[in-house]
Protein backbone atom coordinates (compact mmCIF):
# COMPACT_ATOMS: atom_id res chain seq x y z
CA MET A 1 -0.26 4.78 -25.87
CA GLU A 2 -3.51 5.08 -23.99
CA HIS A 3 -3.39 4.86 -20.16
CA ILE A 4 0.40 5.25 -20.01
CA THR A 5 0.28 7.30 -16.78
CA GLU A 6 -2.00 4.75 -15.16
CA LEU A 7 0.35 1.94 -16.20
CA PHE A 8 3.38 3.64 -14.68
CA ILE A 9 1.58 4.30 -11.40
CA LEU A 10 0.22 0.73 -11.28
CA SER A 11 3.77 -0.55 -11.89
CA MET A 12 5.10 1.60 -9.06
CA LEU A 13 2.39 0.32 -6.71
CA ALA A 14 2.96 -3.30 -7.71
CA ILE A 15 6.71 -3.01 -7.07
CA ALA A 16 6.40 -1.12 -3.77
CA LEU A 17 3.59 -3.20 -2.29
CA ILE A 18 4.72 -6.66 -3.38
CA GLN A 19 8.30 -5.97 -2.25
CA SER A 20 7.06 -4.69 1.10
CA GLY A 21 4.86 -7.75 1.56
CA ILE A 22 7.70 -10.11 0.65
CA ASP A 23 9.93 -8.28 3.16
CA LYS A 24 7.32 -8.77 5.89
CA ILE A 25 7.02 -12.47 5.08
CA GLY A 26 10.78 -12.95 4.90
CA ASP A 27 11.50 -11.11 8.15
CA TRP A 28 8.28 -11.39 10.10
CA LYS A 29 10.11 -11.60 13.44
CA GLY A 30 12.30 -8.55 12.77
CA ASN A 31 9.35 -6.49 11.55
CA LEU A 32 7.27 -7.55 14.54
CA GLU A 33 10.06 -6.65 16.99
CA TRP A 34 10.62 -3.23 15.46
CA LEU A 35 6.91 -2.42 15.23
CA THR A 36 6.27 -3.60 18.79
CA GLY A 37 8.79 -1.04 20.02
CA HIS A 38 7.51 1.59 17.59
CA PHE A 39 3.94 1.28 18.90
CA SER A 40 4.78 0.52 22.55
CA LYS A 41 3.36 3.82 23.82
CA THR A 42 0.26 3.89 21.62
CA PRO A 43 -3.25 2.41 21.77
CA PHE A 44 -2.01 -0.15 19.20
CA LYS A 45 0.59 -1.66 21.58
CA ASN A 46 -1.37 -4.90 22.12
CA MET A 47 -2.49 -5.23 18.49
CA VAL A 48 0.84 -5.15 16.64
CA PRO A 49 0.83 -8.78 15.38
CA PHE A 50 -2.77 -8.48 14.14
CA ASN A 51 -2.16 -5.08 12.56
CA LEU A 52 1.02 -6.33 10.86
CA ALA A 53 -0.93 -9.27 9.41
CA VAL A 54 -3.68 -6.95 8.15
CA ILE A 55 -1.13 -4.65 6.49
CA LEU A 56 0.64 -7.65 4.95
CA VAL A 57 -2.60 -8.97 3.43
CA LEU A 58 -3.58 -5.51 2.17
CA GLU A 59 -0.13 -4.90 0.67
CA MET A 60 0.03 -8.20 -1.14
CA ALA A 61 -3.55 -7.96 -2.37
CA ALA A 62 -3.11 -4.38 -3.59
CA GLY A 63 0.27 -5.17 -5.15
CA LEU A 64 -0.93 -8.25 -7.00
CA LEU A 65 -4.10 -6.44 -8.07
CA SER A 66 -1.95 -3.56 -9.35
CA LEU A 67 0.00 -6.00 -11.48
CA ALA A 68 -3.19 -7.66 -12.71
CA GLY A 69 -4.80 -4.26 -13.28
CA ALA A 70 -1.91 -3.19 -15.48
CA ILE A 71 -2.16 -6.39 -17.52
CA VAL A 72 -5.93 -6.07 -17.92
CA LEU A 73 -5.58 -2.40 -18.84
CA VAL A 74 -3.05 -3.18 -21.58
CA THR A 75 -4.90 -6.20 -22.95
CA THR A 76 -8.53 -5.04 -22.76
CA GLY A 77 -8.58 -1.37 -21.83
CA ASN A 78 -10.85 -2.18 -18.88
CA THR A 79 -10.02 -0.07 -15.81
CA MET A 80 -12.05 -1.88 -13.12
CA VAL A 81 -9.24 -4.11 -11.77
CA ALA A 82 -6.85 -1.15 -11.75
CA LEU A 83 -9.39 0.95 -9.86
CA CYS A 84 -9.91 -1.79 -7.26
CA ALA A 85 -6.12 -2.03 -6.88
CA ALA A 86 -5.77 1.73 -6.44
CA ILE A 87 -8.53 1.86 -3.84
CA LEU A 88 -7.02 -1.05 -1.90
CA ALA A 89 -3.58 0.59 -2.08
CA ALA A 90 -5.07 3.88 -0.83
CA ILE A 91 -6.69 2.09 2.12
CA ASN A 92 -3.35 0.44 2.91
CA PHE A 93 -1.42 3.72 2.78
CA ILE A 94 -4.04 5.57 4.83
CA LEU A 95 -3.79 2.89 7.54
CA LEU A 96 0.00 3.16 7.48
CA PHE A 97 -0.26 6.96 7.66
CA LEU A 98 -2.64 6.67 10.64
CA GLY A 99 -0.23 4.34 12.43
CA GLN A 100 2.72 6.66 11.89
CA ARG A 101 0.77 9.67 13.13
CA ILE A 102 -0.43 7.81 16.23
CA ALA A 103 3.14 6.67 16.92
CA LYS A 104 4.16 10.34 16.53
CA ASP A 105 6.58 9.35 13.77
CA TYR A 106 5.93 12.45 11.71
CA VAL A 107 8.83 11.85 9.33
CA GLY A 108 7.51 8.33 8.69
CA ALA A 109 4.05 9.76 8.07
CA GLN A 110 5.51 12.20 5.53
CA THR A 111 7.09 9.28 3.71
CA ILE A 112 3.70 7.59 3.34
CA VAL A 113 2.32 10.72 1.66
CA VAL A 114 4.84 10.16 -1.16
CA TYR A 115 2.89 6.99 -1.98
CA LEU A 116 -0.56 8.45 -1.30
CA ILE A 117 -0.26 11.28 -3.83
CA PRO A 118 0.22 9.13 -6.95
CA THR A 119 -2.31 6.62 -5.60
CA PHE A 120 -4.95 9.34 -5.25
CA PHE A 121 -4.01 10.66 -8.69
CA LEU A 122 -4.46 7.15 -10.11
CA ILE A 123 -7.93 6.90 -8.57
CA TYR A 124 -8.75 10.27 -10.11
CA LEU A 125 -7.49 9.21 -13.56
CA LEU A 126 -9.46 5.98 -13.43
CA THR A 127 -12.72 7.66 -12.41
CA VAL A 128 -12.90 10.68 -14.73
């Protein structure tokens, strides 16, 4: 099957990002409380609600686009939606990585890299 690797990575992104977005929606208060403490000694301390909303929108958009990209890829072979999804996911993960580094949560930053690697690989596969 053509594009099988891309389909698996898009599926992973759709699951991870949509689930994370749903978690933020379902427990906005809990996420906001935890993140407010997490970023209390950083330049982001007064921007946590805004930043959480931005991440939520990016996650849901990238997750839904990943799902749509996989469907379009299977049905038409067109890679444009998948590429847009991968780029949006990469932006999301880079912002999360930046936040973890600024909060000096180096273990958390390492965790984000686990998502960045296949996302970058997907961008590569869709552009060569």
